[in-house]
Amino acid sequence: MTRFTDHIVLITGAAQGIGRATADAFARAGATVVLADIDMLAATEAAEAIVASGGCAEALPVNVADATSVATLFDTILSRHGRLDCAFNNAGIEEESARLADGTEALFDRLMAVNVKGVWLCMKHELALMAKQRRGAIVNTASIAGLVGAPKHSVYAASKHAVIGLTRSAAAEYGRLGVRVNAVCPAVIRTAMYQRAIERGVATTEAIAALHPIGRIGEVEEVANAVLFLCSDAAPFITGHALTIDGGATAV
């Protein structure tokens, strides 16, 4: 994997799960990592762990659904680092487990605010900055729910379809300005979100594993590796792509 020495990397939703694993991976590859999250306590702990291991990291607060909070985040990054080389827009939520007609407007608004508006707000700043630099790589977290239907998760699926639409449109708009934009589409990954679903009785571990032809769920490090690849010099001709990381789940 290409090294990221002297790169400034932003990760939203970096306090845990896929975001934290990706922050760890970028730091090991030599990057200075900005861990942005609404949970500053957990983000600070994650950044301190990276520094304790010899890496470079800092935690910054952000509510990706709030335009002022996002603008403040990027003002701080620019004032401290002067540029941004890579961004992983990973912050997202999943709080849905009902058929579409049983959903609430409040939940719809919350899912769209974080999963879609949050990505859009961050990309507005990232793209403007990277276009001036004439270089940069962005990866957005979508989902296999952005590629197929997701019973009892219809609004979540709609939000992730939207993320892929934003990704492809931005890639087409900014490719000639030296900016690449891609998405990752994980299936079920071993995260706190997954654990909460198990605890709610949505499904059993065995049943979820059986949905993946590879015979297991994914690990956060496997998504992190894909994000680093898409941001690296090993992927210079890849843009507008939604990379499926699903153990074969969408193959059947």
Protein backbone atom coordinates (compact mmCIF):
# COMPACT_ATOMS: atom_id res chain seq x y z
CA MET A 1 0.00 0.00 0.00
CA THR A 2 1.26 3.46 -0.89
CA ARG A 3 2.51 5.41 2.08
CA PHE A 4 0.70 8.57 3.18
CA THR A 5 3.66 10.39 4.70
CA ASP A 6 3.04 14.15 4.88
CA HIS A 7 -0.64 13.68 4.01
CA ILE A 8 -3.39 15.43 5.97
CA VAL A 9 -6.38 13.10 6.24
CA LEU A 10 -9.84 13.89 7.61
CA ILE A 11 -12.14 11.15 8.87
CA THR A 12 -15.65 11.87 10.12
CA GLY A 13 -17.34 9.42 12.45
CA ALA A 14 -13.82 8.54 13.53
CA ALA A 15 -14.41 7.74 17.18
CA GLN A 16 -15.29 4.08 16.70
CA GLY A 17 -15.93 1.28 14.27
CA ILE A 18 -14.92 1.69 10.64
CA GLY A 19 -13.86 5.30 11.18
CA ARG A 20 -11.48 4.48 14.01
CA ALA A 21 -9.99 1.49 12.19
CA THR A 22 -9.38 3.68 9.14
CA ALA A 23 -7.80 6.39 11.26
CA ASP A 24 -5.45 3.80 12.75
CA ALA A 25 -4.56 2.50 9.27
CA PHE A 26 -3.83 5.96 7.86
CA ALA A 27 -1.70 6.82 10.88
CA ARG A 28 0.32 3.62 10.49
CA ALA A 29 0.86 4.59 6.85
CA GLY A 30 2.38 7.91 7.91
CA ALA A 31 -0.53 10.35 7.63
CA THR A 32 -1.51 13.10 10.03
CA VAL A 33 -5.09 12.16 10.84
CA VAL A 34 -7.90 14.47 11.93
CA LEU A 35 -10.49 12.40 13.79
CA ALA A 36 -13.77 14.33 13.67
CA ASP A 37 -16.80 13.17 15.60
CA ILE A 38 -19.77 14.39 17.60
CA ASP A 39 -18.47 12.26 20.48
CA MET A 40 -15.36 14.23 21.44
CA LEU A 41 -14.51 12.03 24.41
CA ALA A 42 -14.26 8.90 22.26
CA ALA A 43 -12.56 10.76 19.41
CA THR A 44 -9.96 12.18 21.79
CA GLU A 45 -9.28 8.73 23.23
CA ALA A 46 -8.83 7.35 19.71
CA ALA A 47 -6.45 10.17 18.74
CA GLU A 48 -4.45 9.79 21.93
CA ALA A 49 -4.09 6.06 21.27
CA ILE A 50 -2.67 6.81 17.83
CA VAL A 51 -0.19 9.32 19.25
CA ALA A 52 0.82 6.87 21.98
CA SER A 53 1.63 4.36 19.22
CA GLY A 54 3.89 6.86 17.47
CA GLY A 55 1.40 8.29 14.98
CA CYS A 56 0.16 11.82 14.33
CA ALA A 57 -3.47 12.56 15.12
CA GLU A 58 -5.82 15.09 16.62
CA ALA A 59 -9.51 15.06 17.52
CA LEU A 60 -11.91 17.81 16.47
CA PRO A 61 -15.62 18.14 17.19
CA VAL A 62 -18.20 18.10 14.41
CA ASN A 63 -21.90 17.59 13.94
CA VAL A 64 -21.99 16.77 10.24
CA ALA A 65 -25.68 17.67 10.00
CA ASP A 66 -24.97 21.27 11.10
CA ALA A 67 -23.53 23.66 8.51
CA THR A 68 -21.87 25.93 11.08
CA SER A 69 -20.20 23.00 12.83
CA VAL A 70 -18.87 21.65 9.53
CA ALA A 71 -17.59 25.08 8.47
CA THR A 72 -15.79 25.46 11.79
CA LEU A 73 -14.16 22.05 11.33
CA PHE A 74 -12.71 23.01 7.97
CA ASP A 75 -11.63 26.45 9.16
CA THR A 76 -9.68 24.72 11.92
CA ILE A 77 -8.10 22.20 9.54
CA LEU A 78 -7.00 24.98 7.20
CA SER A 79 -5.62 27.15 9.98
CA ARG A 80 -3.61 24.28 11.45
CA HIS A 81 -2.54 22.37 8.35
CA GLY A 82 -3.14 24.59 5.33
CA ARG A 83 -4.43 21.80 3.12
CA LEU A 84 -6.36 18.53 2.96
CA ASP A 85 -5.11 15.56 0.96
CA CYS A 86 -7.69 12.88 1.70
CA ALA A 87 -11.14 12.77 3.29
CA PHE A 88 -13.24 9.84 4.44
CA ASN A 89 -16.84 10.94 4.98
CA ASN A 90 -17.87 8.10 7.24
CA ALA A 91 -20.25 9.59 9.81
CA GLY A 92 -23.64 7.94 9.61
CA ILE A 93 -26.47 6.43 11.62
CA GLU A 94 -28.86 3.48 11.41
CA GLU A 95 -31.84 3.58 13.75
CA GLU A 96 -34.51 1.98 11.60
CA SER A 97 -36.26 -1.38 11.88
CA ALA A 98 -39.77 -1.05 10.51
CA ARG A 99 -41.64 -1.29 7.24
CA LEU A 100 -41.84 1.95 5.28
CA ALA A 101 -45.46 2.78 6.17
CA ASP A 102 -44.64 2.41 9.87
CA GLY A 103 -41.77 4.88 9.84
CA THR A 104 -41.87 8.35 11.35
CA GLU A 105 -41.12 11.71 9.83
CA ALA A 106 -38.71 12.47 12.67
CA LEU A 107 -36.62 9.39 11.90
CA PHE A 108 -36.68 10.14 8.17
CA ASP A 109 -35.42 13.66 8.81
CA ARG A 110 -32.69 12.47 11.18
CA LEU A 111 -31.39 9.77 8.83
CA MET A 112 -31.32 12.14 5.88
CA ALA A 113 -29.72 14.94 7.92
CA VAL A 114 -26.77 12.82 9.03
CA ASN A 115 -26.34 10.34 6.18
CA VAL A 116 -27.01 12.62 3.21
CA LYS A 117 -26.79 16.25 4.27
CA GLY A 118 -23.75 15.43 6.38
CA VAL A 119 -21.89 13.98 3.41
CA TRP A 120 -23.01 16.86 1.19
CA LEU A 121 -21.88 19.52 3.66
CA CYS A 122 -18.46 17.94 4.10
CA MET A 123 -17.98 17.42 0.39
CA LYS A 124 -18.80 21.08 -0.31
CA HIS A 125 -15.78 22.14 1.72
CA GLU A 126 -13.54 19.27 0.64
CA LEU A 127 -14.19 19.73 -3.06
CA ALA A 128 -13.70 23.48 -2.96
CA LEU A 129 -10.40 23.09 -1.15
CA MET A 130 -9.11 20.18 -3.24
CA ALA A 131 -10.09 21.88 -6.50
CA LYS A 132 -7.87 24.83 -5.53
CA GLN A 133 -5.06 22.40 -4.72
CA ARG A 134 -5.69 20.53 -8.00
CA ARG A 135 -5.40 17.27 -6.12
CA GLY A 136 -7.16 15.19 -3.50
CA ALA A 137 -9.12 12.01 -2.85
CA ILE A 138 -12.49 11.60 -1.16
CA VAL A 139 -14.18 8.39 -0.06
CA ASN A 140 -17.76 8.30 1.19
CA THR A 141 -19.31 5.52 3.25
CA ALA A 142 -22.36 4.14 1.49
CA SER A 143 -23.60 0.57 1.99
CA ILE A 144 -24.83 -2.41 0.04
CA ALA A 145 -28.19 -0.89 1.03
CA GLY A 146 -27.27 1.82 -1.47
CA LEU A 147 -27.14 -0.79 -4.22
CA VAL A 148 -30.18 -2.97 -3.49
CA GLY A 149 -33.38 -2.81 -1.47
CA ALA A 150 -33.30 -3.16 2.30
CA PRO A 151 -36.56 -4.37 3.85
CA LYS A 152 -37.37 -2.57 7.12
CA HIS A 153 -34.53 -0.16 6.37
CA SER A 154 -36.06 1.73 3.46
CA VAL A 155 -35.05 5.24 4.52
CA TYR A 156 -31.53 4.11 5.39
CA ALA A 157 -31.35 2.51 1.93
CA ALA A 158 -32.59 5.72 0.34
CA SER A 159 -29.93 7.71 2.18
CA LYS A 160 -27.17 5.40 0.99
CA HIS A 161 -28.44 5.44 -2.59
CA ALA A 162 -28.18 9.22 -2.29
CA VAL A 163 -24.57 8.99 -1.10
CA ILE A 164 -23.68 6.99 -4.19
CA GLY A 165 -25.44 9.58 -6.36
CA LEU A 166 -23.47 12.38 -4.73
CA THR A 167 -20.26 10.40 -5.16
CA ARG A 168 -20.72 9.74 -8.86
CA SER A 169 -21.88 13.26 -9.64
CA ALA A 170 -18.96 14.86 -7.80
CA ALA A 171 -16.51 12.52 -9.51
CA ALA A 172 -17.81 13.65 -12.89
CA GLU A 173 -17.69 17.32 -11.93
CA TYR A 174 -14.22 17.41 -10.36
CA GLY A 175 -12.19 14.76 -12.19
CA ARG A 176 -10.50 17.27 -14.48
CA LEU A 177 -9.55 19.31 -11.42
CA GLY A 178 -7.46 16.48 -10.01
CA VAL A 179 -9.97 15.28 -7.41
CA ARG A 180 -11.11 11.67 -7.21
CA VAL A 181 -14.33 10.73 -5.41
CA ASN A 182 -15.34 7.16 -4.59
CA ALA A 183 -17.54 5.28 -2.14
CA VAL A 184 -17.30 2.06 -0.19
CA CYS A 185 -20.36 -0.15 0.18
CA PRO A 186 -19.93 -2.52 3.11
CA ALA A 187 -22.30 -5.32 3.98
CA VAL A 188 -22.59 -6.23 7.67
CA ILE A 189 -19.41 -5.27 9.51
CA ARG A 190 -18.52 -6.09 13.12
CA THR A 191 -19.15 -2.69 14.72
CA ALA A 192 -21.08 -1.27 17.66
CA MET A 193 -23.96 -0.62 15.26
CA TYR A 194 -24.00 -4.32 14.37
CA GLN A 195 -23.87 -5.29 18.03
CA ARG A 196 -26.84 -3.06 18.81
CA ALA A 197 -28.84 -4.76 16.08
CA ILE A 198 -28.06 -8.16 17.58
CA GLU A 199 -29.06 -6.93 21.03
CA ARG A 200 -32.36 -5.59 19.67
CA GLY A 201 -33.10 -9.05 18.30
CA VAL A 202 -33.21 -7.89 14.68
CA ALA A 203 -31.44 -11.14 13.72
CA THR A 204 -29.01 -13.68 15.12
CA THR A 205 -25.29 -13.69 14.46
CA GLU A 206 -25.65 -16.97 12.57
CA ALA A 207 -28.46 -15.66 10.39
CA ILE A 208 -26.54 -12.52 9.45
CA ALA A 209 -23.38 -14.49 8.68
CA ALA A 210 -25.41 -16.78 6.42
CA LEU A 211 -26.35 -13.82 4.22
CA HIS A 212 -22.73 -13.58 3.10
CA PRO A 213 -21.51 -16.36 0.77
CA ILE A 214 -18.05 -16.04 2.29
CA GLY A 215 -19.61 -17.40 5.49
CA ARG A 216 -19.00 -14.58 7.95
CA ILE A 217 -19.52 -10.87 8.52
CA GLY A 218 -16.85 -8.33 7.69
CA GLU A 219 -14.23 -6.74 9.91
CA VAL A 220 -13.58 -3.01 10.21
CA GLU A 221 -9.99 -3.43 9.05
CA GLU A 222 -11.21 -4.85 5.74
CA VAL A 223 -13.13 -1.66 5.01
CA ALA A 224 -10.22 0.48 6.17
CA ASN A 225 -7.88 -1.27 3.74
CA ALA A 226 -10.27 -0.49 0.88
CA VAL A 227 -10.47 3.18 1.85
CA LEU A 228 -6.68 3.49 1.93
CA PHE A 229 -6.43 1.85 -1.48
CA LEU A 230 -8.98 4.23 -3.02
CA CYS A 231 -7.15 7.23 -1.57
CA SER A 232 -3.72 6.02 -2.62
CA ASP A 233 -1.53 6.49 -5.67
CA ALA A 234 -2.31 2.84 -6.46
CA ALA A 235 -5.79 3.92 -7.63
CA PRO A 236 -5.16 6.97 -9.85
CA PHE A 237 -7.69 5.98 -12.53
CA ILE A 238 -10.50 5.02 -10.15
CA THR A 239 -13.18 7.64 -9.56
CA GLY A 240 -16.96 7.60 -9.37
CA HIS A 241 -16.83 4.00 -8.19
CA ALA A 242 -18.90 2.36 -5.45
CA LEU A 243 -16.66 -0.43 -4.16
CA THR A 244 -18.64 -3.32 -2.71
CA ILE A 245 -17.14 -4.92 0.40
CA ASP A 246 -19.74 -7.55 1.12
CA GLY A 247 -18.41 -11.10 1.25
CA GLY A 248 -20.48 -11.86 -1.85
CA ALA A 249 -23.82 -10.73 -0.37
CA THR A 250 -24.89 -8.84 -3.50
CA ALA A 251 -23.71 -11.64 -5.79
CA VAL A 252 -26.71 -13.83 -4.99
